[in-house]
Protein backbone atom coordinates (compact mmCIF):
# COMPACT_ATOMS: atom_id res chain seq x y z
CA MET A 1 0.41 -0.03 0.09
CA THR A 2 1.44 3.29 -1.00
CA THR A 3 0.43 6.48 0.58
CA THR A 4 -2.01 7.28 -1.82
CA THR A 5 -3.80 4.42 -1.79
CA LEU A 6 -6.08 3.60 0.85
CA PRO A 7 -7.85 -0.62 1.27
CA SER A 8 -11.27 0.28 0.94
CA ILE A 9 -13.38 -0.31 3.51
CA GLU A 10 -14.43 -3.73 2.87
CA ASN A 11 -11.06 -4.78 2.53
CA VAL A 12 -10.59 -4.28 6.52
CA TRP A 13 -13.29 -5.50 7.28
CA ALA A 14 -12.60 -8.65 6.03
CA TRP A 15 -8.99 -8.51 7.06
CA LEU A 16 -10.35 -7.97 10.60
CA SER A 17 -12.66 -10.98 10.19
CA GLU A 18 -9.69 -12.86 10.23
CA VAL A 19 -8.48 -11.60 13.43
CA PRO A 20 -9.25 -14.17 16.13
CA ASP A 21 -10.86 -13.94 19.38
CA PRO A 22 -7.73 -14.28 21.54
CA GLU A 23 -10.21 -16.35 24.35
CA ILE A 24 -12.54 -18.31 21.42
CA PRO A 25 -10.20 -18.67 18.86
CA VAL A 26 -12.58 -20.15 16.35
CA ILE A 27 -14.65 -16.90 15.84
CA SER A 28 -13.81 -13.48 14.41
CA VAL A 29 -13.03 -10.46 16.28
CA THR A 30 -16.16 -8.91 13.57
CA ASP A 31 -18.41 -12.36 14.54
CA LEU A 32 -17.99 -11.73 17.89
CA GLY A 33 -19.78 -8.54 16.82
CA ILE A 34 -17.62 -5.66 18.70
CA VAL A 35 -15.87 -3.87 15.91
CA ARG A 36 -18.33 -1.69 15.76
CA ASP A 37 -16.74 0.58 12.57
CA VAL A 38 -14.36 0.75 11.02
CA ARG A 39 -13.59 4.61 8.70
CA PHE A 40 -11.06 6.79 7.58
CA ASP A 41 -9.70 10.19 8.89
CA GLY A 42 -7.67 11.30 6.17
CA ASP A 43 -4.98 8.43 6.65
CA THR A 44 -5.31 7.25 9.68
CA LEU A 45 -7.88 4.17 9.76
CA ILE A 46 -9.85 3.98 12.38
CA VAL A 47 -11.36 1.09 13.90
CA ALA A 48 -14.22 0.91 17.00
CA VAL A 49 -14.08 -1.47 19.42
CA THR A 50 -16.82 -2.17 21.60
CA PRO A 51 -15.34 -4.51 24.37
CA THR A 52 -17.85 -7.59 25.71
CA TYR A 53 -17.87 -5.64 29.17
CA SER A 54 -15.80 -2.37 30.82
CA GLY A 55 -13.80 -5.35 32.57
CA CYS A 56 -12.67 -7.69 30.02
CA PRO A 57 -9.37 -8.55 29.98
CA ALA A 58 -8.38 -9.33 26.43
CA THR A 59 -9.87 -6.08 25.51
CA SER A 60 -5.82 -4.63 24.60
CA ILE A 61 -4.94 -8.43 23.22
CA ILE A 62 -7.78 -7.72 20.52
CA GLU A 63 -6.48 -3.88 20.01
CA LEU A 64 -3.40 -5.00 19.83
CA ASP A 65 -3.83 -7.99 17.63
CA ILE A 66 -6.14 -5.45 15.06
CA GLU A 67 -2.99 -3.37 15.07
CA THR A 68 -1.26 -5.85 14.59
CA ALA A 69 -3.39 -7.33 11.68
CA LEU A 70 -3.36 -4.02 9.73
CA ALA A 71 0.28 -3.49 9.80
CA ARG A 72 0.76 -6.98 7.81
CA GLN A 73 -1.62 -5.93 5.08
CA GLY A 74 0.35 -2.27 5.17
CA VAL A 75 -1.61 0.05 6.90
CA LYS A 76 0.25 2.07 8.79
CA LYS A 77 -1.76 4.12 10.67
CA VAL A 78 -4.17 3.20 12.36
CA ARG A 79 -6.18 4.23 15.58
CA ILE A 80 -8.35 2.49 18.05
CA GLU A 81 -11.16 3.83 20.06
CA ARG A 82 -12.48 1.98 22.91
CA ARG A 83 -16.49 2.26 22.53
CA LEU A 84 -18.36 1.85 26.18
CA SER A 85 -21.73 3.49 24.80
CA PRO A 86 -23.66 1.93 23.70
CA PRO A 87 -22.80 -1.21 25.68
CA TRP A 88 -21.87 -4.62 24.20
CA THR A 89 -24.36 -7.13 24.07
CA THR A 90 -24.45 -10.97 23.05
CA ASP A 91 -27.63 -9.95 20.55
CA TRP A 92 -23.98 -8.48 18.15
CA ILE A 93 -23.43 -11.96 17.49
CA GLY A 94 -24.29 -13.42 14.70
CA ASP A 95 -26.11 -16.37 13.77
CA GLU A 96 -23.25 -18.05 12.08
CA ALA A 97 -20.69 -17.18 14.72
CA ARG A 98 -23.49 -19.15 17.56
CA GLU A 99 -23.15 -22.41 15.49
CA LYS A 100 -19.50 -21.93 15.19
CA LEU A 101 -19.49 -21.21 19.28
CA ARG A 102 -21.80 -25.06 19.40
CA GLN A 103 -19.55 -26.95 17.02
CA TYR A 104 -16.69 -26.13 19.53
CA GLY A 105 -18.45 -26.90 22.33
CA ILE A 106 -19.47 -23.57 23.95
CA ALA A 107 -23.51 -23.22 24.16
CA PRO A 108 -24.16 -19.93 22.92
CA PRO A 109 -26.50 -17.90 24.20
CA ASP A 110 -30.36 -16.70 24.01
CA LYS A 111 -30.68 -13.85 21.51
CA ALA A 112 -32.67 -10.98 23.63
CA GLY A 113 -36.57 -11.15 22.96
CA ALA A 114 -36.74 -14.90 22.21
CA PRO A 115 -37.97 -16.79 24.79
CA SER A 116 -35.56 -18.80 26.05
CA ALA A 117 -35.73 -22.82 26.45
CA GLY A 118 -35.20 -22.30 30.47
CA ALA A 119 -37.66 -19.04 30.17
CA LEU A 120 -40.75 -21.38 28.48
CA ARG A 121 -39.63 -23.56 31.10
CA ALA A 122 -40.31 -21.58 34.21
CA ALA A 123 -43.23 -20.15 32.77
CA ARG A 124 -44.82 -23.83 32.03
CA LEU A 125 -43.12 -24.48 35.74
CA GLY A 126 -45.13 -21.42 37.33
CA GLY A 127 -42.50 -19.74 38.20
CA GLY A 128 -38.48 -19.28 38.43
CA GLY A 129 -36.09 -21.51 37.45
CA GLU A 130 -32.64 -22.30 36.32
CA LEU A 131 -32.54 -21.50 32.68
CA THR A 132 -32.27 -24.98 30.67
CA VAL A 133 -29.45 -25.21 28.22
CA ALA A 134 -29.17 -27.73 25.66
CA CYS A 135 -25.78 -29.37 25.46
CA PRO A 136 -23.84 -28.35 22.79
CA ARG A 137 -22.15 -32.11 21.80
CA CYS A 138 -25.07 -33.93 22.29
CA GLY A 139 -28.20 -31.55 21.81
CA SER A 140 -29.63 -32.72 25.09
CA THR A 141 -31.55 -29.81 28.18
CA GLU A 142 -30.28 -32.38 30.31
CA THR A 143 -28.31 -30.49 31.93
CA GLU A 144 -27.02 -28.47 35.19
CA LYS A 145 -24.74 -24.87 36.21
CA VAL A 146 -21.98 -26.19 37.88
CA SER A 147 -20.61 -22.93 38.57
CA GLN A 148 -21.34 -19.29 37.48
CA PHE A 149 -17.99 -18.63 36.29
CA GLY A 150 -16.28 -20.47 33.19
CA SER A 151 -13.07 -21.11 31.89
CA THR A 152 -13.98 -17.04 31.31
CA PRO A 153 -15.59 -14.46 33.28
CA CYS A 154 -18.37 -14.15 30.15
CA LYS A 155 -18.78 -17.99 30.12
CA ALA A 156 -20.27 -20.14 32.69
CA ALA A 157 -19.59 -24.27 33.62
CA TYR A 158 -22.25 -26.40 32.45
CA ARG A 159 -22.74 -30.14 32.97
CA CYS A 160 -24.57 -32.30 30.14
CA LYS A 161 -26.59 -35.31 32.15
CA SER A 162 -26.86 -37.36 28.97
CA CYS A 163 -23.32 -37.89 27.95
CA LEU A 164 -21.77 -36.60 31.04
CA GLU A 165 -19.45 -34.24 29.47
CA PRO A 166 -18.67 -30.72 30.96
CA PHE A 167 -19.20 -27.66 28.44
CA ASP A 168 -18.74 -23.48 28.90
CA TYR A 169 -22.40 -21.87 28.22
CA PHE A 170 -22.03 -18.20 26.68
CA LYS A 171 -23.99 -15.76 29.18
CA CYS A 172 -26.19 -13.67 27.61
CA ILE A 173 -25.28 -10.04 28.37
């Protein structure tokens, strides 16, 4: 890339789609929905990133990985803007990324506005209750939460009573 030729925004998005999330490498930072905007201000590429939560320990690594990936493509001037508003939500995870999570062994979060299996079950039972999370390996809903915290703060640890496999559930935010 020369100083007079800037890459297209479409190319930048394609490059960013190859940057894996450091905690869940099966999905990219664009799959996760944390890259909110890409634009040029003169010859400086600005990438707006919304962390999954304000204290996410991976945010600095994600920003460095984005800068590194863009530098490999010849982008010399990059500015990362950290956007905290609106706050990230699991609704920003696309359907394809949810399926990637499931295939990787992580139960994806329910989408807001769509009643979860647990909410439907609780409604049938006439009260509250634990969220019913389907096992990403065998599909059984005979699962139990082992811990509110899984391998990362954004996941909870579950166990399938049918296939006996442990798995993480990506918490709804």
